[in-house]
Amino acid sequence: MPAADRKKSASAASRYTEIRNAKAWRDYFIEDKYECGIALRGTEIKSVRAGKAQINDAFGRFEKGELWLYNAHIEEYSFGNIWNHDARRIRKLLLHRHQIRRIAQEIQIAGRAFIPLRMYFKGGLLKVEMAVAAGKQLFDKRETLKKKVAQREVEKALKRHRR
């Protein structure tokens, strides 16, 4: 197989191996990131491999000494049978005990949110990058947008200057 074809197939495969939360960076100040495992059923992992998942509205919650992922939508597997999974079921996040304690303190005491940033495969296992985050106010979002526009204008000016 030629190198160009391998690049195309690798980029096509990687396109579906990572699912991103588009709202996370816009709506939150990201503080700490954690790589979590997630407890899934067989048909769920097949749906994620097919790119049929979204985590834009998902969030983590601490209950009974464990962390749980709510509102992550993993579409039912199209070739599944009567034991197919529920699309919005609650899924357990897998972390070390000391990490769970630290996150629980941040969530309960400091009033932070625990949100997913992305879902990706690492060595055949599905991982979820979760973050402890503080919510942005409307004026914070406007400020971020202004900075982004200014950065784009600077890059355009530099690009014109290089020609």
N, C-alpha and C. Protein backbone atom coordinates (compact mmCIF):
# COMPACT_ATOMS: atom_id res chain seq x y z
N MET A 1 0.85 -1.18 0.00
CA MET A 1 0.00 0.00 0.00
C MET A 1 0.89 1.24 0.00
N PRO A 2 0.66 2.17 -0.93
CA PRO A 2 1.48 3.40 -0.97
C PRO A 2 1.30 4.24 0.29
N ALA A 3 2.31 5.06 0.56
CA ALA A 3 2.31 5.87 1.79
C ALA A 3 1.13 6.85 1.82
N ALA A 4 0.77 7.41 0.67
CA ALA A 4 -0.34 8.36 0.63
C ALA A 4 -1.65 7.69 1.01
N ASP A 5 -1.86 6.45 0.53
CA ASP A 5 -3.08 5.72 0.87
C ASP A 5 -3.12 5.37 2.34
N ARG A 6 -1.95 5.02 2.92
CA ARG A 6 -1.90 4.71 4.34
C ARG A 6 -2.25 5.94 5.17
N LYS A 7 -1.78 7.11 4.75
CA LYS A 7 -2.10 8.34 5.48
C LYS A 7 -3.60 8.61 5.44
N LYS A 8 -4.21 8.42 4.27
CA LYS A 8 -5.64 8.65 4.14
C LYS A 8 -6.43 7.71 5.03
N SER A 9 -6.07 6.43 5.00
CA SER A 9 -6.82 5.47 5.82
C SER A 9 -6.59 5.71 7.30
N ALA A 10 -5.37 6.13 7.68
CA ALA A 10 -5.09 6.42 9.09
C ALA A 10 -5.88 7.63 9.56
N SER A 11 -5.96 8.67 8.71
CA SER A 11 -6.71 9.86 9.12
C SER A 11 -8.20 9.58 9.15
N ALA A 12 -8.68 8.73 8.25
CA ALA A 12 -10.10 8.37 8.25
C ALA A 12 -10.44 7.56 9.49
N ALA A 13 -9.54 6.67 9.89
CA ALA A 13 -9.77 5.86 11.09
C ALA A 13 -9.70 6.72 12.34
N SER A 14 -8.76 7.66 12.40
CA SER A 14 -8.61 8.49 13.59
C SER A 14 -9.74 9.51 13.72
N ARG A 15 -10.42 9.78 12.63
CA ARG A 15 -11.53 10.73 12.67
C ARG A 15 -12.62 10.24 13.62
N TYR A 16 -12.85 8.94 13.68
CA TYR A 16 -13.90 8.40 14.51
C TYR A 16 -13.41 7.86 15.85
N THR A 17 -12.12 7.88 16.07
CA THR A 17 -11.61 7.34 17.33
C THR A 17 -11.57 8.39 18.42
N GLU A 18 -11.92 9.62 18.11
CA GLU A 18 -11.95 10.66 19.13
C GLU A 18 -13.25 11.45 19.01
N ILE A 19 -13.96 11.55 20.11
CA ILE A 19 -15.20 12.32 20.15
C ILE A 19 -14.96 13.47 21.11
N ARG A 20 -15.17 14.69 20.65
CA ARG A 20 -14.87 15.88 21.45
C ARG A 20 -16.14 16.56 21.95
N ASN A 21 -15.99 17.25 23.07
CA ASN A 21 -17.06 18.05 23.63
C ASN A 21 -16.85 19.48 23.15
N ALA A 22 -17.66 19.91 22.21
CA ALA A 22 -17.48 21.23 21.59
C ALA A 22 -17.80 22.38 22.56
N LYS A 23 -18.67 22.15 23.51
CA LYS A 23 -19.10 23.22 24.42
C LYS A 23 -18.15 23.43 25.60
N ALA A 24 -17.29 22.49 25.87
CA ALA A 24 -16.50 22.52 27.11
C ALA A 24 -15.62 23.76 27.22
N TRP A 25 -14.83 24.05 26.21
CA TRP A 25 -13.89 25.17 26.29
C TRP A 25 -14.62 26.51 26.21
N ARG A 26 -15.81 26.52 25.59
CA ARG A 26 -16.57 27.76 25.48
C ARG A 26 -17.29 28.11 26.78
N ASP A 27 -17.80 27.09 27.48
CA ASP A 27 -18.65 27.34 28.64
C ASP A 27 -17.95 27.22 29.99
N TYR A 28 -16.71 26.72 30.02
CA TYR A 28 -16.04 26.47 31.30
C TYR A 28 -14.59 26.92 31.28
N PHE A 29 -14.08 27.25 32.47
CA PHE A 29 -12.65 27.42 32.70
C PHE A 29 -12.14 26.05 33.14
N ILE A 30 -11.29 25.44 32.36
CA ILE A 30 -10.79 24.10 32.65
C ILE A 30 -9.65 24.20 33.66
N GLU A 31 -9.76 23.44 34.75
CA GLU A 31 -8.74 23.50 35.80
C GLU A 31 -7.86 22.25 35.81
N ASP A 32 -8.40 21.10 36.18
CA ASP A 32 -7.63 19.86 36.26
C ASP A 32 -8.22 18.85 35.29
N LYS A 33 -7.34 18.09 34.61
CA LYS A 33 -7.79 17.06 33.69
C LYS A 33 -7.44 15.68 34.25
N TYR A 34 -8.31 14.72 33.98
CA TYR A 34 -8.10 13.34 34.41
C TYR A 34 -8.44 12.40 33.27
N GLU A 35 -7.65 11.35 33.12
CA GLU A 35 -7.94 10.31 32.14
C GLU A 35 -8.67 9.18 32.87
N CYS A 36 -9.90 8.93 32.50
CA CYS A 36 -10.74 7.95 33.18
C CYS A 36 -11.04 6.79 32.24
N GLY A 37 -11.15 5.61 32.82
CA GLY A 37 -11.72 4.49 32.11
C GLY A 37 -13.23 4.59 32.25
N ILE A 38 -13.94 3.83 31.47
CA ILE A 38 -15.40 3.88 31.54
C ILE A 38 -15.94 2.45 31.38
N ALA A 39 -16.90 2.09 32.21
CA ALA A 39 -17.48 0.76 32.17
C ALA A 39 -18.59 0.73 31.12
N LEU A 40 -18.37 -0.04 30.05
CA LEU A 40 -19.32 -0.11 28.95
C LEU A 40 -19.74 -1.55 28.69
N ARG A 41 -20.83 -1.68 27.95
CA ARG A 41 -21.28 -2.99 27.49
C ARG A 41 -20.75 -3.20 26.07
N GLY A 42 -20.83 -4.41 25.57
CA GLY A 42 -20.27 -4.76 24.27
C GLY A 42 -20.81 -3.95 23.12
N THR A 43 -22.13 -3.73 23.11
CA THR A 43 -22.72 -2.99 21.99
C THR A 43 -22.36 -1.51 22.06
N GLU A 44 -22.09 -1.00 23.26
CA GLU A 44 -21.72 0.41 23.39
C GLU A 44 -20.36 0.67 22.76
N ILE A 45 -19.41 -0.20 23.01
CA ILE A 45 -18.07 0.00 22.47
C ILE A 45 -18.09 -0.07 20.94
N LYS A 46 -18.96 -0.94 20.40
CA LYS A 46 -19.07 -1.04 18.95
C LYS A 46 -19.65 0.24 18.35
N SER A 47 -20.61 0.85 19.04
CA SER A 47 -21.19 2.10 18.57
C SER A 47 -20.17 3.24 18.62
N VAL A 48 -19.37 3.28 19.68
CA VAL A 48 -18.35 4.33 19.80
C VAL A 48 -17.31 4.17 18.71
N ARG A 49 -16.90 2.93 18.43
CA ARG A 49 -15.94 2.68 17.35
C ARG A 49 -16.49 3.15 16.01
N ALA A 50 -17.81 3.08 15.84
CA ALA A 50 -18.45 3.55 14.61
C ALA A 50 -18.67 5.06 14.61
N GLY A 51 -18.31 5.74 15.70
CA GLY A 51 -18.44 7.20 15.78
C GLY A 51 -19.84 7.66 16.13
N LYS A 52 -20.63 6.82 16.75
CA LYS A 52 -22.04 7.13 17.05
C LYS A 52 -22.21 7.52 18.51
N ALA A 53 -21.46 8.50 18.97
CA ALA A 53 -21.57 8.96 20.35
C ALA A 53 -21.40 10.46 20.40
N GLN A 54 -21.96 11.07 21.44
CA GLN A 54 -21.75 12.50 21.66
C GLN A 54 -21.75 12.77 23.16
N ILE A 55 -20.89 13.71 23.58
CA ILE A 55 -20.73 14.01 25.00
C ILE A 55 -20.92 15.49 25.30
N ASN A 56 -21.58 16.23 24.41
CA ASN A 56 -21.73 17.68 24.60
C ASN A 56 -22.54 18.04 25.84
N ASP A 57 -23.54 17.25 26.19
CA ASP A 57 -24.39 17.56 27.34
C ASP A 57 -24.05 16.72 28.56
N ALA A 58 -22.97 15.97 28.48
CA ALA A 58 -22.63 15.04 29.56
C ALA A 58 -21.96 15.76 30.73
N PHE A 59 -22.05 15.12 31.91
CA PHE A 59 -21.40 15.64 33.10
C PHE A 59 -21.16 14.49 34.06
N GLY A 60 -20.21 14.68 34.97
CA GLY A 60 -19.90 13.67 35.96
C GLY A 60 -20.50 14.05 37.30
N ARG A 61 -20.86 13.03 38.08
CA ARG A 61 -21.45 13.26 39.39
C ARG A 61 -20.86 12.25 40.37
N PHE A 62 -20.64 12.68 41.61
CA PHE A 62 -20.11 11.83 42.65
C PHE A 62 -21.26 11.31 43.49
N GLU A 63 -21.42 9.97 43.54
CA GLU A 63 -22.49 9.35 44.32
C GLU A 63 -21.97 8.07 44.97
N LYS A 64 -22.21 7.92 46.26
CA LYS A 64 -21.88 6.71 47.01
C LYS A 64 -20.43 6.28 46.82
N GLY A 65 -19.53 7.23 46.84
CA GLY A 65 -18.11 6.92 46.76
C GLY A 65 -17.61 6.60 45.36
N GLU A 66 -18.42 6.82 44.34
CA GLU A 66 -18.02 6.52 42.96
C GLU A 66 -18.38 7.69 42.06
N LEU A 67 -17.70 7.76 40.92
CA LEU A 67 -17.99 8.79 39.92
C LEU A 67 -18.80 8.17 38.79
N TRP A 68 -19.83 8.91 38.34
CA TRP A 68 -20.72 8.42 37.30
C TRP A 68 -20.82 9.45 36.19
N LEU A 69 -20.96 8.99 34.96
CA LEU A 69 -21.11 9.86 33.80
C LEU A 69 -22.58 9.86 33.38
N TYR A 70 -23.19 11.04 33.40
CA TYR A 70 -24.60 11.21 33.03
C TYR A 70 -24.70 11.88 31.67
N ASN A 71 -25.79 11.61 30.97
CA ASN A 71 -26.17 12.26 29.71
C ASN A 71 -25.21 12.03 28.54
N ALA A 72 -24.30 11.09 28.63
CA ALA A 72 -23.48 10.75 27.46
C ALA A 72 -24.35 9.90 26.54
N HIS A 73 -24.48 10.32 25.31
CA HIS A 73 -25.36 9.61 24.38
C HIS A 73 -24.52 8.71 23.49
N ILE A 74 -24.69 7.40 23.65
CA ILE A 74 -24.06 6.41 22.78
C ILE A 74 -25.20 5.70 22.08
N GLU A 75 -25.31 5.93 20.79
CA GLU A 75 -26.42 5.41 20.01
C GLU A 75 -26.48 3.88 20.07
N GLU A 76 -27.68 3.35 19.99
CA GLU A 76 -27.83 1.89 19.99
C GLU A 76 -27.10 1.31 18.79
N TYR A 77 -26.48 0.17 18.99
CA TYR A 77 -25.74 -0.50 17.93
C TYR A 77 -26.72 -1.02 16.89
N SER A 78 -26.49 -0.67 15.63
CA SER A 78 -27.46 -0.99 14.58
C SER A 78 -27.61 -2.49 14.34
N PHE A 79 -26.56 -3.27 14.63
CA PHE A 79 -26.63 -4.72 14.44
C PHE A 79 -26.85 -5.45 15.75
N GLY A 80 -27.28 -4.71 16.78
CA GLY A 80 -27.51 -5.31 18.09
C GLY A 80 -28.77 -6.15 18.10
N ASN A 81 -28.97 -6.84 19.21
CA ASN A 81 -30.15 -7.69 19.34
C ASN A 81 -31.03 -7.18 20.47
N ILE A 82 -31.81 -8.04 21.10
CA ILE A 82 -32.74 -7.59 22.13
C ILE A 82 -32.02 -7.11 23.39
N TRP A 83 -30.73 -7.44 23.55
CA TRP A 83 -29.97 -6.99 24.71
C TRP A 83 -29.15 -5.75 24.41
N ASN A 84 -29.57 -4.98 23.43
CA ASN A 84 -28.88 -3.73 23.10
C ASN A 84 -28.99 -2.77 24.28
N HIS A 85 -28.06 -1.83 24.40
CA HIS A 85 -28.01 -0.92 25.54
C HIS A 85 -28.96 0.26 25.37
N ASP A 86 -29.25 0.93 26.49
CA ASP A 86 -30.01 2.17 26.49
C ASP A 86 -29.06 3.29 26.11
N ALA A 87 -29.48 4.20 25.23
CA ALA A 87 -28.59 5.22 24.69
C ALA A 87 -28.06 6.20 25.75
N ARG A 88 -28.87 6.55 26.73
CA ARG A 88 -28.45 7.55 27.73
C ARG A 88 -28.29 6.98 29.13
N ARG A 89 -27.92 5.73 29.23
CA ARG A 89 -27.78 5.14 30.56
C ARG A 89 -26.61 5.75 31.31
N ILE A 90 -26.63 5.64 32.62
CA ILE A 90 -25.57 6.17 33.48
C ILE A 90 -24.40 5.18 33.43
N ARG A 91 -23.18 5.72 33.24
CA ARG A 91 -22.00 4.86 33.11
C ARG A 91 -20.99 5.18 34.20
N LYS A 92 -20.37 4.15 34.73
CA LYS A 92 -19.41 4.31 35.81
C LYS A 92 -18.05 4.73 35.26
N LEU A 93 -17.42 5.72 35.91
CA LEU A 93 -16.07 6.15 35.55
C LEU A 93 -15.07 5.43 36.44
N LEU A 94 -13.98 5.00 35.86
CA LEU A 94 -12.99 4.21 36.57
C LEU A 94 -11.74 5.04 36.84
N LEU A 95 -11.45 5.28 38.11
CA LEU A 95 -10.29 6.07 38.54
C LEU A 95 -9.70 5.44 39.80
N HIS A 96 -8.51 5.90 40.16
CA HIS A 96 -7.91 5.49 41.43
C HIS A 96 -8.66 6.15 42.58
N ARG A 97 -8.65 5.51 43.73
CA ARG A 97 -9.40 5.98 44.89
C ARG A 97 -8.96 7.39 45.32
N HIS A 98 -7.64 7.65 45.30
CA HIS A 98 -7.17 8.98 45.72
C HIS A 98 -7.61 10.07 44.73
N GLN A 99 -7.72 9.72 43.45
CA GLN A 99 -8.21 10.69 42.47
C GLN A 99 -9.70 10.96 42.69
N ILE A 100 -10.45 9.92 43.00
CA ILE A 100 -11.89 10.09 43.24
C ILE A 100 -12.11 11.00 44.44
N ARG A 101 -11.31 10.81 45.52
CA ARG A 101 -11.45 11.67 46.71
C ARG A 101 -11.16 13.14 46.37
N ARG A 102 -10.10 13.37 45.60
CA ARG A 102 -9.72 14.73 45.23
C ARG A 102 -10.82 15.39 44.38
N ILE A 103 -11.34 14.66 43.42
CA ILE A 103 -12.40 15.18 42.55
C ILE A 103 -13.67 15.44 43.35
N ALA A 104 -14.01 14.54 44.26
CA ALA A 104 -15.21 14.70 45.08
C ALA A 104 -15.12 15.97 45.92
N GLN A 105 -13.95 16.27 46.46
CA GLN A 105 -13.77 17.51 47.23
C GLN A 105 -13.98 18.72 46.34
N GLU A 106 -13.41 18.69 45.15
CA GLU A 106 -13.58 19.82 44.23
C GLU A 106 -15.05 20.04 43.86
N ILE A 107 -15.74 18.96 43.60
CA ILE A 107 -17.14 19.06 43.18
C ILE A 107 -18.04 19.52 44.32
N GLN A 108 -17.90 18.88 45.49
CA GLN A 108 -18.81 19.15 46.60
C GLN A 108 -18.48 20.42 47.36
N ILE A 109 -17.21 20.66 47.65
CA ILE A 109 -16.84 21.80 48.48
C ILE A 109 -16.66 23.07 47.65
N ALA A 110 -15.90 22.96 46.55
CA ALA A 110 -15.60 24.15 45.75
C ALA A 110 -16.69 24.48 44.74
N GLY A 111 -17.65 23.57 44.54
CA GLY A 111 -18.76 23.85 43.63
C GLY A 111 -18.37 23.83 42.16
N ARG A 112 -17.43 23.00 41.81
CA ARG A 112 -16.98 22.90 40.42
C ARG A 112 -17.82 21.85 39.68
N ALA A 113 -17.71 21.87 38.36
CA ALA A 113 -18.37 20.87 37.52
C ALA A 113 -17.33 19.84 37.08
N PHE A 114 -17.78 18.64 36.81
CA PHE A 114 -16.91 17.57 36.33
C PHE A 114 -17.43 17.18 34.95
N ILE A 115 -16.75 17.63 33.90
CA ILE A 115 -17.26 17.48 32.54
C ILE A 115 -16.29 16.69 31.66
N PRO A 116 -16.83 16.00 30.65
CA PRO A 116 -15.95 15.29 29.72
C PRO A 116 -15.44 16.25 28.64
N LEU A 117 -14.17 16.12 28.29
CA LEU A 117 -13.60 16.92 27.22
C LEU A 117 -13.55 16.12 25.91
N ARG A 118 -13.16 14.85 26.02
CA ARG A 118 -13.11 14.01 24.83
C ARG A 118 -13.14 12.54 25.22
N MET A 119 -13.52 11.73 24.25
CA MET A 119 -13.54 10.27 24.37
C MET A 119 -12.61 9.75 23.30
N TYR A 120 -11.70 8.84 23.64
CA TYR A 120 -10.74 8.35 22.66
C TYR A 120 -10.31 6.93 23.02
N PHE A 121 -9.71 6.26 22.04
CA PHE A 121 -9.21 4.91 22.26
C PHE A 121 -7.72 4.97 22.55
N LYS A 122 -7.30 4.19 23.53
CA LYS A 122 -5.89 4.12 23.90
C LYS A 122 -5.57 2.64 24.13
N GLY A 123 -4.82 2.08 23.21
CA GLY A 123 -4.47 0.67 23.32
C GLY A 123 -5.66 -0.26 23.31
N GLY A 124 -6.68 0.05 22.53
CA GLY A 124 -7.85 -0.80 22.44
C GLY A 124 -8.90 -0.53 23.51
N LEU A 125 -8.61 0.32 24.49
CA LEU A 125 -9.56 0.64 25.55
C LEU A 125 -10.11 2.05 25.34
N LEU A 126 -11.36 2.24 25.69
CA LEU A 126 -11.95 3.56 25.58
C LEU A 126 -11.65 4.36 26.83
N LYS A 127 -11.12 5.55 26.66
CA LYS A 127 -10.82 6.46 27.76
C LYS A 127 -11.65 7.73 27.60
N VAL A 128 -11.95 8.36 28.72
CA VAL A 128 -12.67 9.63 28.71
C VAL A 128 -11.80 10.64 29.44
N GLU A 129 -11.48 11.74 28.78
CA GLU A 129 -10.74 12.80 29.44
C GLU A 129 -11.75 13.72 30.11
N MET A 130 -11.75 13.69 31.44
CA MET A 130 -12.68 14.48 32.22
C MET A 130 -11.93 15.65 32.84
N ALA A 131 -12.65 16.73 33.12
CA ALA A 131 -12.00 17.90 33.69
C ALA A 131 -12.85 18.48 34.81
N VAL A 132 -12.17 18.95 35.85
CA VAL A 132 -12.81 19.74 36.89
C VAL A 132 -12.81 21.17 36.34
N ALA A 133 -13.98 21.78 36.27
CA ALA A 133 -14.09 23.07 35.61
C ALA A 133 -15.03 24.01 36.36
N ALA A 134 -14.77 25.30 36.19
CA ALA A 134 -15.64 26.33 36.75
C ALA A 134 -16.42 26.95 35.60
N GLY A 135 -17.70 27.19 35.79
CA GLY A 135 -18.53 27.74 34.74
C GLY A 135 -18.20 29.18 34.42
N LYS A 136 -18.33 29.54 33.15
CA LYS A 136 -18.10 30.91 32.72
C LYS A 136 -19.41 31.69 32.76
N GLN A 137 -19.31 32.96 33.10
CA GLN A 137 -20.44 33.86 33.01
C GLN A 137 -20.52 34.39 31.58
N LEU A 138 -21.60 35.08 31.25
CA LEU A 138 -21.79 35.59 29.90
C LEU A 138 -20.67 36.56 29.51
N PHE A 139 -20.25 37.43 30.44
CA PHE A 139 -19.20 38.39 30.11
C PHE A 139 -17.85 37.70 29.89
N ASP A 140 -17.63 36.56 30.57
CA ASP A 140 -16.41 35.78 30.33
C ASP A 140 -16.41 35.19 28.92
N LYS A 141 -17.58 34.73 28.48
CA LYS A 141 -17.68 34.15 27.15
C LYS A 141 -17.44 35.21 26.09
N ARG A 142 -17.96 36.42 26.33
CA ARG A 142 -17.74 37.52 25.38
C ARG A 142 -16.27 37.88 25.31
N GLU A 143 -15.61 37.91 26.46
CA GLU A 143 -14.18 38.23 26.51
C GLU A 143 -13.36 37.19 25.75
N THR A 144 -13.69 35.94 25.91
CA THR A 144 -13.00 34.87 25.19
C THR A 144 -13.19 35.02 23.69
N LEU A 145 -14.39 35.35 23.27
CA LEU A 145 -14.67 35.55 21.85
C LEU A 145 -13.88 36.73 21.30
N LYS A 146 -13.79 37.82 22.05
CA LYS A 146 -13.02 38.98 21.61
C LYS A 146 -11.54 38.63 21.44
N LYS A 147 -11.00 37.86 22.37
CA LYS A 147 -9.59 37.45 22.27
C LYS A 147 -9.36 36.58 21.04
N LYS A 148 -10.33 35.69 20.76
CA LYS A 148 -10.20 34.80 19.61
C LYS A 148 -10.22 35.60 18.30
N VAL A 149 -11.11 36.59 18.21
CA VAL A 149 -11.19 37.43 17.01
C VAL A 149 -9.91 38.24 16.84
N ALA A 150 -9.40 38.79 17.93
CA ALA A 150 -8.16 39.57 17.86
C ALA A 150 -6.99 38.68 17.42
N GLN A 151 -6.93 37.47 17.93
CA GLN A 151 -5.85 36.54 17.54
C GLN A 151 -5.92 36.20 16.06
N ARG A 152 -7.14 36.01 15.54
CA ARG A 152 -7.31 35.74 14.10
C ARG A 152 -6.84 36.91 13.26
N GLU A 153 -7.16 38.13 13.69
CA GLU A 153 -6.73 39.32 12.94
C GLU A 153 -5.22 39.44 12.94
N VAL A 154 -4.59 39.15 14.05
CA VAL A 154 -3.13 39.20 14.12
C VAL A 154 -2.51 38.17 13.18
N GLU A 155 -3.06 36.98 13.17
CA GLU A 155 -2.55 35.93 12.27
C GLU A 155 -2.73 36.31 10.81
N LYS A 156 -3.86 36.92 10.46
CA LYS A 156 -4.08 37.38 9.09
C LYS A 156 -3.06 38.44 8.70
N ALA A 157 -2.82 39.40 9.60
CA ALA A 157 -1.86 40.46 9.32
C ALA A 157 -0.45 39.89 9.15
N LEU A 158 -0.08 38.95 9.97
CA LEU A 158 1.24 38.32 9.84
C LEU A 158 1.35 37.55 8.53
N LYS A 159 0.27 36.90 8.13
CA LYS A 159 0.27 36.13 6.90
C LYS A 159 0.43 37.07 5.69
N ARG A 160 -0.26 38.21 5.71
CA ARG A 160 -0.13 39.20 4.62
C ARG A 160 1.27 39.78 4.60
N HIS A 161 1.84 40.01 5.75
CA HIS A 161 3.17 40.60 5.84
C HIS A 161 4.26 39.65 5.30
N ARG A 162 4.07 38.37 5.44
CA ARG A 162 5.05 37.38 4.98
C ARG A 162 5.10 37.27 3.46
N ARG A 163 4.02 37.60 2.80
CA ARG A 163 3.97 37.49 1.33
C ARG A 163 4.84 38.48 0.71
